[in-house]
Amino acid sequence: MQQRSVVRVGASLIVASLALTACGSRSNDEGGGSGTTTKTAKIGVIAPLSGDLSALGLGIQHSVELAVKQANDSNAIPGWKLEVDAKDDEAKPDVGKNAATSLSSDKDVIGVVGTLNSSVALQVQPVLAPKNIVQVSPANTNPSLTAGAAWQTDPKRAYPTYFRTCTTDAIQGPVAARYLFEKAKITKVATIHDKKAYGQGLVGTFAAEFKKLGGQVVAAETINPDDSNYQAVISAVKPSAPQAVYYGGEYPNAGPLSQQMKAAGLKVPLMGGDGIYDPKYIALGGKTSEGDLATSVGAPVEALPSAQKFVTDYNAAGFKDPYAAYGGYSFDAANAIIAALKVSLKDAKDVESARKATVDELSKVKFDGVTGAVAFDQYGDTTSKVLTVYKVASGKWATVETATFTG
């Protein structure tokens, strides 16, 4: 890829610069040169770069690479060059933990963008935090990652090193519930989740809001992530005659679930969160996915004036993979880290000594990003609470409405 070749050239220049300094710094000074060396800081990426969710993960990786390239090209941090070190977590918690361990053992790693999956983040957080390596997720939506397991009753910052540029399921679930009850006039739903942190949390916040509005959750079922035949859960749900099924999980399971429940006569819309908002969901669900619904964080990138330059630059960079659902959030996450580095690395002798300062500076970051205003609250959550409802229409995801959540 073009970006990787740039990084290799950058590494070569660093080696050359170090060699010249070692044997000729005085002559450079006498001749008016600065005699300074260029130091390296790395931004890691932890995301699924292979497997079912690789399209999302590669979009995250390339968006970070674009941000880093632009920072290097503009000499954003004088005396420093940034590099990207991307690790494949395969959307598996144990693999993600190993990736975090590898990155945290590298003295040049200053921050990490990732993860995609909340379940993976639960394993990554405690590895990066003791080393004071900041982590900014463009996609994790489980509320406990920032405010702790008791986030609803006794919120406490879980890890001061963890931030995210996307909003959480504390907002995403209620937005879906309000849409179904108030706009779609659906009063009875069944819920199904895949037992993972993301899906379980999403269904929990959805169900609580739906009941508060006056709706009924007529059935609450679970599946195993490795399941492919959903006849048992469909048979359990069908007698309760729900008007919709709300699913907590990701598209590899959700698409076939939608197809199988409609083939079994449960012909009601399936709605999910950002985990199903992907073209592959429609491909897996086939024609029966028509009318299904999803929420996703933020507004459609293509519709944002603030994102037009990002879209143009990303396409011009020649990446073979699209920026996908989280590209804009990943670009903003990388730039949030870079904004903090402009302060923390300014007078730093090395990366490790600047890590704690980077954590402190990241909490103060504020700028207008691709996805809108980028800033963090006391828990490390984004202050932006914009979500969009989408519907499958004519074989594509179509925007239904974008709104800012208000309490």
Protein backbone atom coordinates (compact mmCIF):
# COMPACT_ATOMS: atom_id res chain seq x y z
CA MET A 1 0.00 0.00 0.00
CA GLN A 2 1.08 3.55 -0.63
CA GLN A 3 0.98 4.44 3.05
CA ARG A 4 3.21 1.57 4.04
CA SER A 5 5.83 2.60 1.53
CA VAL A 6 5.79 6.10 3.01
CA VAL A 7 6.37 4.66 6.45
CA ARG A 8 9.31 2.59 5.20
CA VAL A 9 10.86 5.63 3.58
CA GLY A 10 10.29 7.56 6.80
CA ALA A 11 12.08 4.83 8.74
CA SER A 12 15.02 4.96 6.30
CA LEU A 13 15.28 8.72 6.71
CA ILE A 14 15.33 8.30 10.47
CA VAL A 15 18.19 5.81 10.28
CA ALA A 16 20.11 8.08 7.94
CA SER A 17 19.53 11.06 10.20
CA LEU A 18 20.80 9.17 13.25
CA ALA A 19 23.92 8.05 11.37
CA LEU A 20 24.74 11.58 10.24
CA THR A 21 24.25 12.94 13.73
CA ALA A 22 26.53 10.31 15.26
CA CYS A 23 29.49 11.11 12.99
CA GLY A 24 28.95 14.69 11.94
CA SER A 25 26.71 16.73 14.17
CA ARG A 26 29.36 19.31 14.90
CA SER A 27 30.06 19.97 11.23
CA ASN A 28 26.31 20.40 10.72
CA ASP A 29 26.23 22.94 13.52
CA GLU A 30 29.29 24.79 12.16
CA GLY A 31 27.65 24.94 8.78
CA GLY A 32 24.45 26.38 10.21
CA GLY A 33 22.48 23.06 10.43
CA SER A 34 20.39 22.31 13.48
CA GLY A 35 22.17 19.05 14.31
CA THR A 36 18.90 17.65 15.66
CA THR A 37 17.69 14.10 15.24
CA THR A 38 14.21 12.94 14.33
CA LYS A 39 12.59 10.68 16.92
CA THR A 40 9.84 8.13 16.29
CA ALA A 41 6.53 7.67 18.05
CA LYS A 42 4.08 4.94 17.09
CA ILE A 43 0.30 4.91 17.10
CA GLY A 44 -0.97 1.36 17.29
CA VAL A 45 -4.19 0.05 15.80
CA ILE A 46 -6.05 -2.93 17.26
CA ALA A 47 -8.93 -4.07 15.05
CA PRO A 48 -10.15 -7.10 13.09
CA LEU A 49 -8.02 -7.03 9.95
CA SER A 50 -9.15 -10.51 8.89
CA GLY A 51 -12.37 -12.46 9.16
CA ASP A 52 -16.03 -11.40 8.95
CA LEU A 53 -15.49 -7.91 10.36
CA SER A 54 -12.31 -7.10 8.43
CA ALA A 55 -14.01 -4.50 6.23
CA LEU A 56 -14.69 -2.41 9.33
CA GLY A 57 -11.26 -3.07 10.80
CA LEU A 58 -9.36 -2.19 7.64
CA GLY A 59 -11.35 1.02 7.35
CA ILE A 60 -10.17 1.88 10.86
CA GLN A 61 -6.54 1.07 10.02
CA HIS A 62 -6.41 3.06 6.80
CA SER A 63 -8.13 6.08 8.33
CA VAL A 64 -5.47 6.18 11.04
CA GLU A 65 -2.76 5.81 8.39
CA LEU A 66 -4.21 8.79 6.53
CA ALA A 67 -4.20 10.95 9.68
CA VAL A 68 -0.61 9.98 10.46
CA LYS A 69 0.57 10.65 6.91
CA GLN A 70 -1.01 14.09 6.95
CA ALA A 71 0.57 14.87 10.32
CA ASN A 72 4.01 13.84 9.06
CA ASP A 73 3.61 15.76 5.81
CA SER A 74 2.78 18.93 7.71
CA ASN A 75 5.50 18.41 10.33
CA ALA A 76 2.78 18.60 12.98
CA ILE A 77 5.19 17.60 15.75
CA PRO A 78 8.64 19.10 15.05
CA GLY A 79 11.44 16.67 15.75
CA TRP A 80 9.15 13.65 15.62
CA LYS A 81 7.87 11.28 12.97
CA LEU A 82 4.81 9.15 13.56
CA GLU A 83 4.36 5.55 12.45
CA VAL A 84 1.36 3.20 12.46
CA ASP A 85 1.65 -0.29 13.93
CA ALA A 86 -1.54 -2.21 13.13
CA LYS A 87 -2.40 -5.47 14.88
CA ASP A 88 -5.15 -7.91 13.90
CA ASP A 89 -7.39 -8.86 16.83
CA GLU A 90 -9.64 -11.11 14.68
CA ALA A 91 -12.57 -9.72 16.73
CA LYS A 92 -11.50 -12.10 19.52
CA PRO A 93 -10.80 -10.92 23.09
CA ASP A 94 -7.78 -13.17 23.68
CA VAL A 95 -6.19 -12.19 20.37
CA GLY A 96 -6.82 -8.53 21.15
CA LYS A 97 -5.16 -8.95 24.54
CA ASN A 98 -2.09 -10.42 22.85
CA ALA A 99 -2.02 -7.52 20.39
CA ALA A 100 -2.18 -5.04 23.26
CA THR A 101 0.61 -6.87 25.08
CA SER A 102 2.80 -6.67 21.99
CA LEU A 103 2.16 -2.95 21.53
CA SER A 104 2.60 -2.12 25.22
CA SER A 105 6.03 -3.78 25.24
CA ASP A 106 7.23 -1.43 22.46
CA LYS A 107 8.90 1.61 24.02
CA ASP A 108 7.94 3.72 20.99
CA VAL A 109 4.17 3.18 21.21
CA ILE A 110 2.47 6.33 22.52
CA GLY A 111 -1.19 5.53 21.84
CA VAL A 112 -3.64 3.08 20.29
CA VAL A 113 -6.72 3.52 18.12
CA GLY A 114 -9.18 0.65 18.65
CA THR A 115 -10.86 -1.60 19.29
CA LEU A 116 -13.91 -2.31 17.16
CA ASN A 117 -15.53 -4.79 19.55
CA SER A 118 -16.44 -3.92 23.13
CA SER A 119 -15.68 -7.47 24.25
CA VAL A 120 -12.14 -7.09 22.91
CA ALA A 121 -11.74 -3.70 24.58
CA LEU A 122 -12.47 -5.27 27.98
CA GLN A 123 -9.29 -7.32 27.55
CA VAL A 124 -7.20 -4.55 25.99
CA GLN A 125 -7.89 -1.80 28.55
CA PRO A 126 -6.11 -3.43 31.53
CA VAL A 127 -3.04 -4.15 29.41
CA LEU A 128 -2.52 -0.63 28.07
CA ALA A 129 -3.50 1.29 31.20
CA PRO A 130 -0.57 0.29 33.47
CA LYS A 131 1.82 1.55 30.78
CA ASN A 132 -0.08 4.87 30.49
CA ILE A 133 -0.77 4.23 26.81
CA VAL A 134 -3.86 6.12 25.67
CA GLN A 135 -6.55 4.17 23.84
CA VAL A 136 -9.17 5.92 21.72
CA SER A 137 -11.90 3.73 20.28
CA PRO A 138 -13.86 4.79 17.21
CA ALA A 139 -16.45 2.05 17.66
CA ASN A 140 -16.86 0.65 21.21
CA THR A 141 -20.34 1.45 22.51
CA ASN A 142 -20.64 -0.53 25.76
CA PRO A 143 -21.12 2.05 28.57
CA SER A 144 -19.16 0.04 31.16
CA LEU A 145 -15.90 0.65 29.30
CA THR A 146 -15.83 4.23 30.51
CA ALA A 147 -18.13 4.40 33.53
CA GLY A 148 -17.63 0.96 35.06
CA ALA A 149 -19.89 -2.04 35.57
CA ALA A 150 -22.33 -0.01 37.70
CA TRP A 151 -22.52 2.79 35.12
CA GLN A 152 -26.29 3.19 35.54
CA THR A 153 -26.30 3.62 39.33
CA ASP A 154 -22.75 4.47 40.38
CA PRO A 155 -20.64 5.60 37.38
CA LYS A 156 -16.90 5.60 37.97
CA ARG A 157 -14.11 6.09 35.44
CA ALA A 158 -12.79 2.63 34.77
CA TYR A 159 -9.47 3.52 33.09
CA PRO A 160 -8.12 7.09 32.76
CA THR A 161 -6.28 6.01 29.59
CA TYR A 162 -9.44 5.05 27.70
CA PHE A 163 -11.46 7.43 25.47
CA ARG A 164 -13.85 7.07 22.55
CA THR A 165 -15.06 9.22 19.68
CA CYS A 166 -18.37 7.36 19.23
CA THR A 167 -21.39 7.59 21.48
CA THR A 168 -22.52 4.67 23.66
CA ASP A 169 -25.33 2.15 23.99
CA ALA A 170 -26.65 4.20 26.90
CA ILE A 171 -27.87 6.42 24.07
CA GLN A 172 -28.07 4.04 21.11
CA GLY A 173 -30.49 1.62 22.79
CA PRO A 174 -32.95 4.33 23.90
CA VAL A 175 -32.85 5.99 20.45
CA ALA A 176 -33.93 2.69 18.86
CA ALA A 177 -36.65 2.23 21.47
CA ARG A 178 -38.01 5.72 20.90
CA TYR A 179 -38.05 5.25 17.16
CA LEU A 180 -39.96 1.97 17.32
CA PHE A 181 -42.47 3.13 19.93
CA GLU A 182 -43.00 6.76 18.93
CA LYS A 183 -42.39 6.79 15.17
CA ALA A 184 -43.10 3.23 14.00
CA LYS A 185 -45.96 2.83 16.53
CA ILE A 186 -44.71 -0.60 17.59
CA THR A 187 -45.73 -1.55 21.12
CA LYS A 188 -44.61 -5.20 21.38
CA VAL A 189 -41.07 -6.41 20.70
CA ALA A 190 -38.97 -9.49 21.29
CA THR A 191 -35.29 -9.12 22.09
CA ILE A 192 -32.43 -11.45 21.16
CA HIS A 193 -28.72 -10.98 21.87
CA ASP A 194 -25.51 -12.94 21.32
CA LYS A 195 -24.31 -12.95 24.96
CA LYS A 196 -21.34 -10.69 24.17
CA ALA A 197 -20.69 -7.43 26.04
CA TYR A 198 -21.87 -5.28 23.13
CA GLY A 199 -25.07 -7.16 22.37
CA GLN A 200 -26.11 -7.71 25.95
CA GLY A 201 -25.53 -4.06 26.87
CA LEU A 202 -27.38 -2.80 23.82
CA VAL A 203 -30.45 -4.94 24.48
CA GLY A 204 -30.41 -3.91 28.13
CA THR A 205 -30.62 -0.18 27.42
CA PHE A 206 -33.14 -0.71 24.63
CA ALA A 207 -35.48 -2.82 26.77
CA ALA A 208 -35.33 -0.44 29.72
CA GLU A 209 -36.30 2.55 27.56
CA PHE A 210 -38.96 0.65 25.61
CA LYS A 211 -40.68 -0.42 28.84
CA LYS A 212 -40.42 3.10 30.26
CA LEU A 213 -42.22 4.42 27.18
CA GLY A 214 -45.05 1.94 27.75
CA GLY A 215 -44.03 -0.82 25.38
CA GLN A 216 -43.93 -4.55 26.10
CA VAL A 217 -40.95 -6.87 25.76
CA VAL A 218 -42.90 -10.05 25.04
CA ALA A 219 -39.89 -12.37 24.76
CA ALA A 220 -36.20 -12.17 25.70
CA GLU A 221 -33.93 -14.78 24.13
CA THR A 222 -30.23 -15.36 23.44
CA ILE A 223 -28.13 -17.14 20.82
CA ASN A 224 -24.56 -18.34 20.76
CA PRO A 225 -22.17 -16.34 18.53
CA ASP A 226 -21.18 -19.52 16.70
CA ASP A 227 -24.77 -20.52 15.88
CA SER A 228 -25.95 -20.61 12.28
CA ASN A 229 -29.35 -22.27 12.74
CA TYR A 230 -31.80 -20.12 14.68
CA GLN A 231 -34.95 -22.24 14.48
CA ALA A 232 -35.02 -22.89 18.23
CA VAL A 233 -34.93 -19.22 19.20
CA ILE A 234 -37.41 -18.33 16.44
CA SER A 235 -39.79 -21.00 17.73
CA ALA A 236 -39.48 -19.54 21.23
CA VAL A 237 -40.18 -15.99 20.05
CA LYS A 238 -42.90 -16.55 17.46
CA PRO A 239 -45.80 -17.47 19.82
CA SER A 240 -45.47 -14.12 21.62
CA ALA A 241 -46.46 -12.35 18.36
CA PRO A 242 -43.98 -9.46 18.49
CA GLN A 243 -44.35 -6.58 16.06
CA ALA A 244 -40.56 -6.33 15.74
CA VAL A 245 -37.44 -8.13 16.92
CA TYR A 246 -34.63 -6.10 18.47
CA TYR A 247 -31.26 -7.81 18.09
CA GLY A 248 -28.08 -7.11 20.05
CA GLY A 249 -25.06 -8.32 18.14
CA GLU A 250 -23.34 -8.05 14.77
CA TYR A 251 -24.29 -8.67 11.16
CA PRO A 252 -22.76 -12.15 10.65
CA ASN A 253 -25.45 -13.56 12.96
CA ALA A 254 -28.13 -10.94 12.41
CA GLY A 255 -28.42 -11.36 8.64
CA PRO A 256 -29.19 -15.09 8.70
CA LEU A 257 -31.43 -14.60 11.76
CA SER A 258 -33.54 -12.09 9.83
CA GLN A 259 -33.75 -14.41 6.83
CA GLN A 260 -34.64 -17.50 8.86
CA MET A 261 -37.27 -15.84 11.05
CA LYS A 262 -39.12 -14.49 8.03
CA ALA A 263 -38.93 -17.84 6.26
CA ALA A 264 -40.49 -19.34 9.40
CA GLY A 265 -43.43 -16.94 9.19
CA LEU A 266 -42.18 -14.32 11.68
CA LYS A 267 -42.45 -11.56 9.11
CA VAL A 268 -41.65 -8.53 11.22
CA PRO A 269 -38.73 -6.10 10.97
CA LEU A 270 -35.50 -6.90 12.74
CA MET A 271 -33.76 -3.88 14.25
CA GLY A 272 -30.23 -3.71 15.61
CA GLY A 273 -27.46 -1.30 16.46
CA ASP A 274 -24.34 -0.23 14.62
CA GLY A 275 -23.15 -3.85 14.69
CA ILE A 276 -25.53 -4.70 11.85
CA TYR A 277 -25.24 -1.45 9.93
CA ASP A 278 -23.14 -2.84 7.11
CA PRO A 279 -23.86 -3.82 3.48
CA LYS A 280 -22.94 -7.40 4.37
CA TYR A 281 -25.99 -7.61 6.62
CA ILE A 282 -28.18 -7.07 3.57
CA ALA A 283 -26.15 -9.58 1.57
CA LEU A 284 -26.56 -12.20 4.29
CA GLY A 285 -30.22 -11.44 4.89
CA GLY A 286 -31.12 -11.37 1.23
CA LYS A 287 -34.34 -9.87 -0.08
CA THR A 288 -36.08 -10.57 3.23
CA SER A 289 -33.93 -7.91 4.91
CA GLU A 290 -36.04 -5.26 3.18
CA GLY A 291 -37.60 -3.05 5.86
CA ASP A 292 -35.13 -4.04 8.59
CA LEU A 293 -33.71 -1.24 10.72
CA ALA A 294 -30.48 -0.19 12.40
CA THR A 295 -29.06 2.66 14.38
CA SER A 296 -25.50 3.87 14.02
CA VAL A 297 -23.39 6.46 15.75
CA GLY A 298 -23.26 9.95 14.31
CA ALA A 299 -24.57 11.18 10.99
CA PRO A 300 -23.74 9.60 7.60
CA VAL A 301 -20.20 10.74 6.82
CA GLU A 302 -21.07 11.41 3.18
CA ALA A 303 -23.73 13.91 4.28
CA LEU A 304 -21.46 15.94 6.56
CA PRO A 305 -19.81 19.06 5.13
CA SER A 306 -17.09 18.55 7.74
CA ALA A 307 -16.23 15.17 6.21
CA GLN A 308 -15.88 16.11 2.56
CA LYS A 309 -12.12 16.67 2.69
CA PHE A 310 -11.64 13.38 4.55
CA VAL A 311 -13.65 11.50 1.93
CA THR A 312 -11.69 13.13 -0.89
CA ASP A 313 -8.31 12.54 0.75
CA TYR A 314 -9.12 8.94 1.64
CA ASN A 315 -10.17 8.12 -1.91
CA ALA A 316 -7.12 9.88 -3.31
CA ALA A 317 -4.80 7.86 -1.05
CA GLY A 318 -5.61 4.73 -3.05
CA PHE A 319 -6.56 2.39 -0.23
CA LYS A 320 -8.17 -0.74 -1.63
CA ASP A 321 -10.59 -0.95 1.31
CA PRO A 322 -13.37 1.60 2.00
CA TYR A 323 -13.33 3.71 5.17
CA ALA A 324 -16.58 1.93 6.09
CA ALA A 325 -18.75 2.78 9.09
CA TYR A 326 -16.00 3.94 11.45
CA GLY A 327 -13.49 5.64 9.15
CA GLY A 328 -14.44 9.16 10.15
CA TYR A 329 -14.39 8.27 13.84
CA SER A 330 -11.01 6.57 13.43
CA PHE A 331 -9.56 9.59 11.65
CA ASP A 332 -10.83 11.80 14.48
CA ALA A 333 -9.48 9.36 17.09
CA ALA A 334 -6.01 9.45 15.53
CA ASN A 335 -6.10 13.23 15.28
CA ALA A 336 -7.17 13.49 18.92
CA ILE A 337 -4.04 11.55 19.88
CA ILE A 338 -1.93 13.68 17.54
CA ALA A 339 -3.37 16.87 19.08
CA ALA A 340 -2.30 15.63 22.51
CA LEU A 341 1.15 14.69 21.19
CA LYS A 342 1.77 18.24 19.98
CA VAL A 343 2.01 19.15 23.65
CA SER A 344 3.28 15.97 25.32
CA LEU A 345 6.12 15.30 22.86
CA LYS A 346 7.25 18.90 22.47
CA ASP A 347 10.07 18.70 25.01
CA ALA A 348 10.07 14.94 25.65
CA LYS A 349 13.31 13.01 25.50
CA ASP A 350 11.53 9.78 24.59
CA VAL A 351 8.07 8.25 24.17
CA GLU A 352 7.83 6.47 27.51
CA SER A 353 8.43 9.64 29.49
CA ALA A 354 5.66 11.39 27.52
CA ARG A 355 2.93 8.78 27.97
CA LYS A 356 1.41 10.16 31.18
CA ALA A 357 1.40 13.69 29.77
CA THR A 358 -0.35 12.37 26.66
CA VAL A 359 -3.15 10.94 28.81
CA ASP A 360 -3.53 14.28 30.57
CA GLU A 361 -3.53 16.28 27.35
CA LEU A 362 -6.01 14.02 25.60
CA SER A 363 -8.66 14.83 28.19
CA LYS A 364 -8.30 18.52 27.20
CA VAL A 365 -8.50 18.00 23.43
CA LYS A 366 -11.15 19.98 21.56
CA PHE A 367 -11.37 20.46 17.81
CA ASP A 368 -13.76 20.33 14.88
CA GLY A 369 -13.31 16.91 13.35
CA VAL A 370 -14.66 14.89 10.47
CA THR A 371 -17.61 13.69 12.52
CA GLY A 372 -18.26 17.03 14.24
CA ALA A 373 -16.96 18.54 17.47
CA VAL A 374 -14.41 16.26 19.14
CA ALA A 375 -14.15 16.51 22.93
CA PHE A 376 -14.38 14.19 25.92
CA ASP A 377 -16.30 14.28 29.18
CA GLN A 378 -15.07 13.25 32.65
CA TYR A 379 -15.43 9.57 31.78
CA GLY A 380 -13.59 9.74 28.46
CA ASP A 381 -16.83 9.56 26.46
CA THR A 382 -17.45 11.79 23.48
CA THR A 383 -19.60 14.81 24.19
CA SER A 384 -21.38 14.27 20.85
CA LYS A 385 -24.70 12.41 21.12
CA VAL A 386 -25.76 12.21 17.49
CA LEU A 387 -27.24 8.99 16.09
CA THR A 388 -28.95 7.98 12.87
CA VAL A 389 -31.73 5.49 12.16
CA TYR A 390 -31.38 3.54 8.90
CA LYS A 391 -33.76 1.28 7.00
CA VAL A 392 -33.12 -1.29 4.27
CA ALA A 393 -34.82 0.05 1.15
CA SER A 394 -34.33 -1.39 -2.34
CA GLY A 395 -31.41 -3.47 -1.12
CA LYS A 396 -29.47 -0.62 0.49
CA TRP A 397 -29.29 1.14 3.83
CA ALA A 398 -31.23 4.41 3.56
CA THR A 399 -31.23 7.20 6.13
CA VAL A 400 -34.51 7.57 8.02
CA GLU A 401 -33.57 10.29 10.48
CA THR A 402 -30.55 11.81 12.25
CA ALA A 403 -31.02 13.35 15.65
CA THR A 404 -29.15 14.55 18.72
CA PHE A 405 -30.14 12.61 21.84
CA THR A 406 -31.33 14.77 24.71
CA GLY A 407 -31.64 12.98 28.04
